[in-house]
Amino acid sequence: METSQNSLSPTALVLRYAGFAGLATLANLAAQRLVLAGIPGQPGFVLAVICGTGAGLVLKYLLDKRWIFFDQSGGIPTHARKFALYTAMGIVTTLIFWAAETAAWVIWQTHAMREAGAVAGLTVGYVVKYRLDRRYVFGRAGRTV
């Protein structure tokens, strides 16, 4: 049985979205750790942030499309356009995440605090991102005419 977006209670929506944000955050941080394990220092940090962001973005898009916004649109052009919009909405929220993570790294110079900054930045970013995605990617503005 297919569930529609309107049938989710606000609590269920928040819990599902938060769960998916948590999974994307774990994917992000895991990818960062893998990169940092192989490339230490400042170059490793920059590459780790980029790789982690990419891993979290792809996972979150797939989960949100199907289980948050119940988007069943098909076709490569439609998927490409929606992913591009989803990514564009993520630029601002990624800047929030990167600023928090980088500030924590610069201030404390420890991986534990870098990750704490990342989690704080991702949390704020995901709240903003949901609102943007709901309106511009999967809402009326994001529909193909």
Protein backbone atom coordinates (compact mmCIF):
# COMPACT_ATOMS: atom_id res chain seq x y z
CA MET A 1 0.00 0.00 0.00
CA GLU A 2 1.42 3.38 -1.02
CA THR A 3 1.44 6.09 1.62
CA SER A 4 0.82 9.66 0.56
CA GLN A 5 2.62 12.63 2.02
CA ASN A 6 -0.63 13.92 3.45
CA SER A 7 -1.20 10.75 5.48
CA LEU A 8 1.94 11.19 7.59
CA SER A 9 1.33 12.85 10.90
CA PRO A 10 3.61 15.80 11.68
CA THR A 11 5.33 13.68 14.34
CA ALA A 12 5.91 10.80 11.92
CA LEU A 13 7.24 13.21 9.30
CA VAL A 14 9.68 14.82 11.76
CA LEU A 15 10.86 11.45 13.06
CA ARG A 16 11.33 10.03 9.56
CA TYR A 17 13.11 13.16 8.31
CA ALA A 18 15.32 13.26 11.40
CA GLY A 19 16.13 9.58 11.00
CA PHE A 20 17.14 10.10 7.38
CA ALA A 21 19.18 13.16 8.36
CA GLY A 22 20.89 10.98 10.94
CA LEU A 23 21.68 8.30 8.35
CA ALA A 24 23.03 10.92 5.93
CA THR A 25 25.09 12.45 8.74
CA LEU A 26 26.59 9.05 9.56
CA ALA A 27 27.38 8.48 5.87
CA ASN A 28 28.96 11.94 5.73
CA LEU A 29 31.14 11.42 8.79
CA ALA A 30 32.08 7.86 7.80
CA ALA A 31 33.24 9.06 4.38
CA GLN A 32 35.24 11.83 6.07
CA ARG A 33 36.93 9.37 8.41
CA LEU A 34 37.86 7.11 5.49
CA VAL A 35 39.47 10.00 3.64
CA LEU A 36 41.23 11.34 6.75
CA ALA A 37 42.60 7.88 7.51
CA GLY A 38 44.36 7.86 4.14
CA ILE A 39 45.25 11.55 3.76
CA PRO A 40 46.21 13.36 6.98
CA GLY A 41 46.53 17.12 7.42
CA GLN A 42 44.89 20.09 5.73
CA PRO A 43 44.60 18.55 2.22
CA GLY A 44 42.92 15.52 3.77
CA PHE A 45 40.51 17.73 5.69
CA VAL A 46 39.35 19.59 2.57
CA LEU A 47 38.92 16.38 0.57
CA ALA A 48 37.18 14.72 3.54
CA VAL A 49 34.62 17.52 3.81
CA ILE A 50 33.88 17.35 0.07
CA CYS A 51 33.59 13.54 -0.03
CA GLY A 52 31.47 13.44 3.11
CA THR A 53 29.14 16.08 1.77
CA GLY A 54 28.70 14.15 -1.49
CA ALA A 55 27.96 10.87 0.29
CA GLY A 56 25.40 12.50 2.57
CA LEU A 57 23.77 14.40 -0.29
CA VAL A 58 23.15 11.38 -2.51
CA LEU A 59 21.81 9.23 0.31
CA LYS A 60 19.54 12.00 1.64
CA TYR A 61 18.13 12.77 -1.83
CA LEU A 62 17.20 9.14 -2.43
CA LEU A 63 15.55 8.78 0.97
CA ASP A 64 13.74 12.15 0.84
CA LYS A 65 12.46 11.66 -2.70
CA ARG A 66 10.86 8.33 -1.89
CA TRP A 67 9.94 8.42 1.81
CA ILE A 68 9.46 12.11 2.71
CA PHE A 69 8.01 13.72 -0.41
CA PHE A 70 6.68 10.51 -2.00
CA ASP A 71 7.85 11.68 -5.39
CA GLN A 72 7.15 9.05 -8.02
CA SER A 73 8.23 11.06 -11.03
CA GLY A 74 10.29 9.14 -13.54
CA GLY A 75 12.64 9.60 -16.42
CA ILE A 76 16.23 10.71 -16.57
CA PRO A 77 15.47 14.36 -17.47
CA THR A 78 13.04 14.70 -14.54
CA HIS A 79 15.39 13.00 -12.09
CA ALA A 80 18.33 15.09 -13.30
CA ARG A 81 16.35 18.32 -12.94
CA LYS A 82 15.09 17.42 -9.47
CA PHE A 83 18.51 16.32 -8.28
CA ALA A 84 19.98 19.56 -9.65
CA LEU A 85 17.34 21.58 -7.78
CA TYR A 86 17.86 19.48 -4.65
CA THR A 87 21.59 20.08 -4.90
CA ALA A 88 21.10 23.82 -5.48
CA MET A 89 18.92 24.05 -2.38
CA GLY A 90 21.67 22.21 -0.55
CA ILE A 91 24.33 24.78 -1.44
CA VAL A 92 23.12 27.29 1.14
CA THR A 93 22.56 24.60 3.74
CA THR A 94 25.95 23.07 2.98
CA LEU A 95 27.56 26.44 3.63
CA ILE A 96 25.91 26.43 7.06
CA PHE A 97 27.31 22.93 7.70
CA TRP A 98 30.81 23.73 6.41
CA ALA A 99 30.99 26.97 8.41
CA ALA A 100 30.09 25.19 11.65
CA GLU A 101 32.45 22.28 11.02
CA THR A 102 35.33 24.49 9.91
CA ALA A 103 34.86 26.88 12.83
CA ALA A 104 35.00 23.97 15.26
CA TRP A 105 38.14 22.62 13.54
CA VAL A 106 39.90 26.01 13.56
CA ILE A 107 39.00 26.73 17.19
CA TRP A 108 39.70 23.34 18.79
CA GLN A 109 41.86 21.43 16.24
CA THR A 110 40.41 18.07 17.33
CA HIS A 111 38.44 15.59 15.29
CA ALA A 112 35.87 15.18 18.06
CA MET A 113 35.07 18.89 18.01
CA ARG A 114 35.18 18.98 14.20
CA GLU A 115 32.53 16.26 14.18
CA ALA A 116 30.49 18.08 16.85
CA GLY A 117 30.58 21.20 14.68
CA ALA A 118 29.57 19.11 11.68
CA VAL A 119 26.59 17.64 13.53
CA ALA A 120 25.45 21.09 14.72
CA GLY A 121 25.81 22.54 11.22
CA LEU A 122 24.03 19.61 9.60
CA THR A 123 21.15 19.86 12.05
CA VAL A 124 20.49 23.52 11.31
CA GLY A 125 21.07 22.92 7.60
CA TYR A 126 18.56 20.06 7.41
CA VAL A 127 15.79 22.17 8.96
CA VAL A 128 16.35 24.88 6.37
CA LYS A 129 16.74 22.30 3.58
CA TYR A 130 13.42 20.60 4.30
CA ARG A 131 11.57 23.88 3.86
CA LEU A 132 13.39 24.70 0.62
CA ASP A 133 12.89 21.20 -0.81
CA ARG A 134 9.22 21.13 0.11
CA ARG A 135 8.64 24.37 -1.74
CA TYR A 136 11.06 24.38 -4.67
CA VAL A 137 12.06 20.77 -5.45
CA PHE A 138 9.14 18.51 -4.63
CA GLY A 139 6.37 21.06 -4.22
CA ARG A 140 4.34 22.87 -6.83
CA ALA A 141 7.36 24.94 -7.95
CA GLY A 142 9.37 21.74 -8.59
CA ARG A 143 6.75 19.92 -10.67
CA THR A 144 7.18 19.37 -14.34
CA VAL A 145 4.39 20.99 -16.31
